[in-house]
Structure formats: C-alpha cells, structure tokens
Amino acid sequence: MLNHIVIMGRLTRDPELRTTQSGVNVASFSVAVERDFGGRDGGDRQTDFIDCVAWRQTGEFVSKYFHKGSMIVVSGRLQSRKWQDRDGNNRTNWEISADNVYFGEGRRDGGEGRGDSYSSSSYGGGSYGAYDGGRGGAGAAPSAFSELEDGDGDLPF
C-alpha cells in the first residue's frame, strides 16, 4: 500500500509548537493550497486549507523558519484522527503527517522578522533548503545550507 502526499502552499497562521507529556515536540500548522483549475465556468480557482503536523526536529524546523504567509512544500502521509466531541458526536479530522518540509521560495533579502532568514549551522538538508526529519540519508549527518552566488556564469543554458 502507498500513502504519500506532497503539497505546496502558504501557511495560514504561524506554526504552533507544543511538547507532548513524553517530551516530544510537535508543530501544527495549516497550508492554503490553490487548485490547478477554476470552476466549471472557468472562474476563480478554489483554495483548500490543509492541516499538517510535524514531529520532533521537523516540527522544530517548521516552527523556527516558517511563519504566516511563508511558501512551504510538505511531503508526508495523509492520516485521519477520530474522536467524540462534547455532545457525543463522532468526528473525523484529516491531516498530513509531514516527513519532509522544504522552503517553497527563496530567502528574502533584508527581511525582518521570523522566517525571513535562517542560520546555516542550525539545520541541514542540502542546498535546496530542505529538512528530511533528521534522517540525513544512509547514516550521514545533515549538510548545512549553502548560499548560491548571483550570476549564471557556470550554467549550461
């Protein structure tokens, strides 16, 4: 069986980082994702609001580097949570459990406030601005972010 989902959109609010009773960090956030097509009459595209959770280091990463309005790419699995509300009604909530989180846009130069910059020593994941949940592939330690220089002298096109 396969349960893998990838979305790209903007955060609708600042991520909320909490710690469970057992000491595990978890970040909750919501992503606004535009559909690729308009309505039947070709009108405005609709937007879906998708709840996400990120655990442990991935949750810390989201909480530290993303804020309301940030473009984010979330890769993970779709899961449901079932519970009973105060009136005894059965409820279901669908959310993405994030395995990997990526920056959806470049860093803003001279930006102020949370999420506009990041420290190359804090988290790794390669030059694409990704965090892979601390796995780092094949037992390797995560690499630091690397700055790309302006100019296209070495590009083959």
C-alpha atoms as a PDB file:
ATOM      1  CA  MET A   1       0.000   0.000   0.000  1.00  0.00           C
ATOM      2  CA  LEU A   2       1.130   3.538  -0.697  1.00  0.00           C
ATOM      3  CA  ASN A   3       0.203   6.647   1.259  1.00  0.00           C
ATOM      4  CA  HIS A   4       2.306   9.592   0.107  1.00  0.00           C
ATOM      5  CA  ILE A   5       1.216  13.179  -0.438  1.00  0.00           C
ATOM      6  CA  VAL A   6       3.039  16.350  -1.468  1.00  0.00           C
ATOM      7  CA  ILE A   7       1.502  19.818  -1.232  1.00  0.00           C
ATOM      8  CA  MET A   8       2.779  23.327  -1.821  1.00  0.00           C
ATOM      9  CA  GLY A   9       1.105  26.442  -0.493  1.00  0.00           C
ATOM     10  CA  ARG A  10       1.243  29.251   2.035  1.00  0.00           C
ATOM     11  CA  LEU A  11       0.906  28.968   5.803  1.00  0.00           C
ATOM     12  CA  THR A  12      -2.394  30.389   7.028  1.00  0.00           C
ATOM     13  CA  ARG A  13      -1.024  31.090  10.518  1.00  0.00           C
ATOM     14  CA  ASP A  14       2.224  30.822  12.451  1.00  0.00           C
ATOM     15  CA  PRO A  15       3.096  27.213  13.320  1.00  0.00           C
ATOM     16  CA  GLU A  16       2.197  26.219  16.875  1.00  0.00           C
ATOM     17  CA  LEU A  17       4.990  24.228  18.563  1.00  0.00           C
ATOM     18  CA  ARG A  18       3.960  22.137  21.576  1.00  0.00           C
ATOM     19  CA  THR A  19       5.621  19.427  23.623  1.00  0.00           C
ATOM     20  CA  THR A  20       3.826  16.187  24.496  1.00  0.00           C
ATOM     21  CA  GLN A  21       3.817  14.801  28.045  1.00  0.00           C
ATOM     22  CA  SER A  22       6.602  12.436  26.997  1.00  0.00           C
ATOM     23  CA  GLY A  23       8.758  15.386  25.858  1.00  0.00           C
ATOM     24  CA  VAL A  24       8.307  15.067  22.070  1.00  0.00           C
ATOM     25  CA  ASN A  25       7.966  18.300  20.079  1.00  0.00           C
ATOM     26  CA  VAL A  26       5.116  18.615  17.584  1.00  0.00           C
ATOM     27  CA  ALA A  27       4.251  21.567  15.356  1.00  0.00           C
ATOM     28  CA  SER A  28       0.733  22.116  13.998  1.00  0.00           C
ATOM     29  CA  PHE A  29       0.104  24.350  11.004  1.00  0.00           C
ATOM     30  CA  SER A  30      -2.325  24.847   8.136  1.00  0.00           C
ATOM     31  CA  VAL A  31      -1.454  25.310   4.453  1.00  0.00           C
ATOM     32  CA  ALA A  32      -3.613  27.109   1.866  1.00  0.00           C
ATOM     33  CA  VAL A  33      -3.289  25.271  -1.460  1.00  0.00           C
ATOM     34  CA  GLU A  34      -4.828  26.579  -4.679  1.00  0.00           C
ATOM     35  CA  ARG A  35      -6.359  24.047  -7.027  1.00  0.00           C
ATOM     36  CA  ASP A  36      -4.842  23.859 -10.511  1.00  0.00           C
ATOM     37  CA  PHE A  37      -8.117  24.660 -12.237  1.00  0.00           C
ATOM     38  CA  GLY A  38     -11.032  27.054 -11.935  1.00  0.00           C
ATOM     39  CA  GLY A  39     -14.689  26.232 -11.571  1.00  0.00           C
ATOM     40  CA  ARG A  40     -16.927  24.913 -14.333  1.00  0.00           C
ATOM     41  CA  ASP A  41     -17.300  28.379 -15.807  1.00  0.00           C
ATOM     42  CA  GLY A  42     -13.524  28.942 -15.784  1.00  0.00           C
ATOM     43  CA  GLY A  43     -13.814  31.318 -12.848  1.00  0.00           C
ATOM     44  CA  ASP A  44     -11.577  31.778  -9.872  1.00  0.00           C
ATOM     45  CA  ARG A  45      -9.589  28.822  -8.603  1.00  0.00           C
ATOM     46  CA  GLN A  46     -10.663  27.380  -5.292  1.00  0.00           C
ATOM     47  CA  THR A  47      -8.367  27.090  -2.292  1.00  0.00           C
ATOM     48  CA  ASP A  48      -8.124  24.112   0.056  1.00  0.00           C
ATOM     49  CA  PHE A  49      -6.952  24.568   3.648  1.00  0.00           C
ATOM     50  CA  ILE A  50      -4.987  21.520   4.753  1.00  0.00           C
ATOM     51  CA  ASP A  51      -3.986  20.790   8.355  1.00  0.00           C
ATOM     52  CA  CYS A  52      -0.468  19.442   8.915  1.00  0.00           C
ATOM     53  CA  VAL A  53       1.589  18.145  11.827  1.00  0.00           C
ATOM     54  CA  ALA A  54       5.369  17.789  12.021  1.00  0.00           C
ATOM     55  CA  TRP A  55       7.061  15.835  14.793  1.00  0.00           C
ATOM     56  CA  ARG A  56      10.423  16.156  16.562  1.00  0.00           C
ATOM     57  CA  GLN A  57      13.179  18.009  14.657  1.00  0.00           C
ATOM     58  CA  THR A  58      10.954  18.567  11.638  1.00  0.00           C
ATOM     59  CA  GLY A  59       8.437  20.323  13.897  1.00  0.00           C
ATOM     60  CA  GLU A  60      11.201  22.465  15.419  1.00  0.00           C
ATOM     61  CA  PHE A  61      12.419  23.336  11.900  1.00  0.00           C
ATOM     62  CA  VAL A  62       8.942  24.434  10.775  1.00  0.00           C
ATOM     63  CA  SER A  63       8.400  26.464  13.932  1.00  0.00           C
ATOM     64  CA  LYS A  64      11.765  28.216  13.622  1.00  0.00           C
ATOM     65  CA  TYR A  65      11.912  29.031   9.914  1.00  0.00           C
ATOM     66  CA  PHE A  66       8.306  29.422   8.729  1.00  0.00           C
ATOM     67  CA  HIS A  67       5.611  31.949   9.599  1.00  0.00           C
ATOM     68  CA  LYS A  68       2.185  33.026   8.375  1.00  0.00           C
ATOM     69  CA  GLY A  69       2.347  33.633   4.613  1.00  0.00           C
ATOM     70  CA  SER A  70       5.520  31.577   4.016  1.00  0.00           C
ATOM     71  CA  MET A  71       5.508  29.333   0.948  1.00  0.00           C
ATOM     72  CA  ILE A  72       6.072  25.741   2.113  1.00  0.00           C
ATOM     73  CA  VAL A  73       6.308  22.322   0.490  1.00  0.00           C
ATOM     74  CA  VAL A  74       5.181  19.429   2.692  1.00  0.00           C
ATOM     75  CA  SER A  75       5.817  15.789   1.875  1.00  0.00           C
ATOM     76  CA  GLY A  76       4.312  13.106   4.074  1.00  0.00           C
ATOM     77  CA  ARG A  77       1.326  10.853   4.558  1.00  0.00           C
ATOM     78  CA  LEU A  78      -2.389  11.513   4.889  1.00  0.00           C
ATOM     79  CA  GLN A  79      -3.925  10.309   8.133  1.00  0.00           C
ATOM     80  CA  SER A  80      -7.221  10.623   9.977  1.00  0.00           C
ATOM     81  CA  ARG A  81      -7.957  11.191  13.641  1.00  0.00           C
ATOM     82  CA  LYS A  82     -11.311  10.183  15.115  1.00  0.00           C
ATOM     83  CA  TRP A  83     -12.803  11.440  18.364  1.00  0.00           C
ATOM     84  CA  GLN A  84     -16.048  12.327  20.081  1.00  0.00           C
ATOM     85  CA  ASP A  85     -16.961  15.952  20.651  1.00  0.00           C
ATOM     86  CA  ARG A  86     -18.529  17.338  23.843  1.00  0.00           C
ATOM     87  CA  ASP A  87     -22.005  16.412  22.610  1.00  0.00           C
ATOM     88  CA  GLY A  88     -21.002  12.782  21.966  1.00  0.00           C
ATOM     89  CA  ASN A  89     -20.927  13.140  18.164  1.00  0.00           C
ATOM     90  CA  ASN A  90     -18.297  11.160  16.285  1.00  0.00           C
ATOM     91  CA  ARG A  91     -15.875  13.470  14.462  1.00  0.00           C
ATOM     92  CA  THR A  92     -13.053  12.866  11.972  1.00  0.00           C
ATOM     93  CA  ASN A  93     -10.176  15.149  11.064  1.00  0.00           C
ATOM     94  CA  TRP A  94      -7.821  14.567   8.119  1.00  0.00           C
ATOM     95  CA  GLU A  95      -4.266  15.913   8.261  1.00  0.00           C
ATOM     96  CA  ILE A  96      -0.846  15.431   6.712  1.00  0.00           C
ATOM     97  CA  SER A  97       1.857  13.999   8.938  1.00  0.00           C
ATOM     98  CA  ALA A  98       4.959  15.685   7.498  1.00  0.00           C
ATOM     99  CA  ASP A  99       8.040  13.573   6.821  1.00  0.00           C
ATOM    100  CA  ASN A 100       9.919  16.244   4.859  1.00  0.00           C
ATOM    101  CA  VAL A 101       9.486  20.010   4.691  1.00  0.00           C
ATOM    102  CA  TYR A 102      11.010  22.339   2.090  1.00  0.00           C
ATOM    103  CA  PHE A 103      11.170  26.079   1.529  1.00  0.00           C
ATOM    104  CA  GLY A 104       8.799  26.947  -1.318  1.00  0.00           C
ATOM    105  CA  GLU A 105      10.530  30.209  -2.205  1.00  0.00           C
ATOM    106  CA  GLY A 106      13.906  31.843  -1.823  1.00  0.00           C
ATOM    107  CA  ARG A 107      15.001  33.770   1.215  1.00  0.00           C
ATOM    108  CA  ARG A 108      14.009  37.409   1.218  1.00  0.00           C
ATOM    109  CA  ASP A 109      16.987  39.775   1.324  1.00  0.00           C
ATOM    110  CA  GLY A 110      16.889  42.291   4.146  1.00  0.00           C
ATOM    111  CA  GLY A 111      13.737  40.753   5.552  1.00  0.00           C
ATOM    112  CA  GLU A 112      12.706  41.392   9.092  1.00  0.00           C
ATOM    113  CA  GLY A 113      11.011  39.063  11.499  1.00  0.00           C
ATOM    114  CA  ARG A 114      10.730  35.323  11.877  1.00  0.00           C
ATOM    115  CA  GLY A 115      11.167  33.128   8.851  1.00  0.00           C
ATOM    116  CA  ASP A 116      12.917  35.635   6.594  1.00  0.00           C
ATOM    117  CA  SER A 117      16.360  34.208   7.254  1.00  0.00           C
ATOM    118  CA  TYR A 118      17.958  31.054   8.568  1.00  0.00           C
ATOM    119  CA  SER A 119      21.185  30.013  10.194  1.00  0.00           C
ATOM    120  CA  SER A 120      23.389  27.667   8.189  1.00  0.00           C
ATOM    121  CA  SER A 121      24.565  25.958  11.368  1.00  0.00           C
ATOM    122  CA  SER A 122      21.158  25.177  12.885  1.00  0.00           C
ATOM    123  CA  TYR A 123      19.662  22.654  10.494  1.00  0.00           C
ATOM    124  CA  GLY A 124      20.783  20.734   7.456  1.00  0.00           C
ATOM    125  CA  GLY A 125      19.247  19.244   4.401  1.00  0.00           C
ATOM    126  CA  GLY A 126      21.201  20.446   1.391  1.00  0.00           C
ATOM    127  CA  SER A 127      21.300  23.477  -0.835  1.00  0.00           C
ATOM    128  CA  TYR A 128      17.580  23.283  -1.660  1.00  0.00           C
ATOM    129  CA  GLY A 129      16.516  24.332   1.826  1.00  0.00           C
ATOM    130  CA  ALA A 130      15.015  21.018   2.832  1.00  0.00           C
ATOM    131  CA  TYR A 131      14.796  19.172   6.114  1.00  0.00           C
ATOM    132  CA  ASP A 132      14.371  15.419   5.946  1.00  0.00           C
ATOM    133  CA  GLY A 133      13.269  14.774   9.504  1.00  0.00           C
ATOM    134  CA  GLY A 134      16.821  14.146  10.732  1.00  0.00           C
ATOM    135  CA  ARG A 135      17.350  11.019   8.645  1.00  0.00           C
ATOM    136  CA  GLY A 136      20.167  12.555   6.543  1.00  0.00           C
ATOM    137  CA  GLY A 137      20.141   9.528   4.244  1.00  0.00           C
ATOM    138  CA  ALA A 138      22.472   6.478   4.601  1.00  0.00           C
ATOM    139  CA  GLY A 139      23.568   7.446   8.106  1.00  0.00           C
ATOM    140  CA  ALA A 140      25.175  10.696   7.003  1.00  0.00           C
ATOM    141  CA  ALA A 141      24.926  13.830   9.099  1.00  0.00           C
ATOM    142  CA  PRO A 142      22.748  16.550   7.544  1.00  0.00           C
ATOM    143  CA  SER A 143      24.689  19.031   5.444  1.00  0.00           C
ATOM    144  CA  ALA A 144      24.492  22.764   6.126  1.00  0.00           C
ATOM    145  CA  PHE A 145      22.616  25.175   3.915  1.00  0.00           C
ATOM    146  CA  SER A 146      24.823  26.672   1.257  1.00  0.00           C
ATOM    147  CA  GLU A 147      24.444  30.122  -0.246  1.00  0.00           C
ATOM    148  CA  LEU A 148      24.242  30.315  -4.028  1.00  0.00           C
ATOM    149  CA  GLU A 149      26.088  33.195  -5.627  1.00  0.00           C
ATOM    150  CA  ASP A 150      24.344  35.529  -8.046  1.00  0.00           C
ATOM    151  CA  GLY A 151      25.268  35.171 -11.678  1.00  0.00           C
ATOM    152  CA  ASP A 152      24.887  32.420 -14.200  1.00  0.00           C
ATOM    153  CA  GLY A 153      28.448  32.002 -15.455  1.00  0.00           C
ATOM    154  CA  ASP A 154      28.538  28.234 -14.835  1.00  0.00           C
ATOM    155  CA  LEU A 155      25.045  27.375 -16.010  1.00  0.00           C
ATOM    156  CA  PRO A 156      24.866  25.271 -19.191  1.00  0.00           C
ATOM    157  CA  PHE A 157      21.928  27.217 -20.617  1.00  0.00           C
END
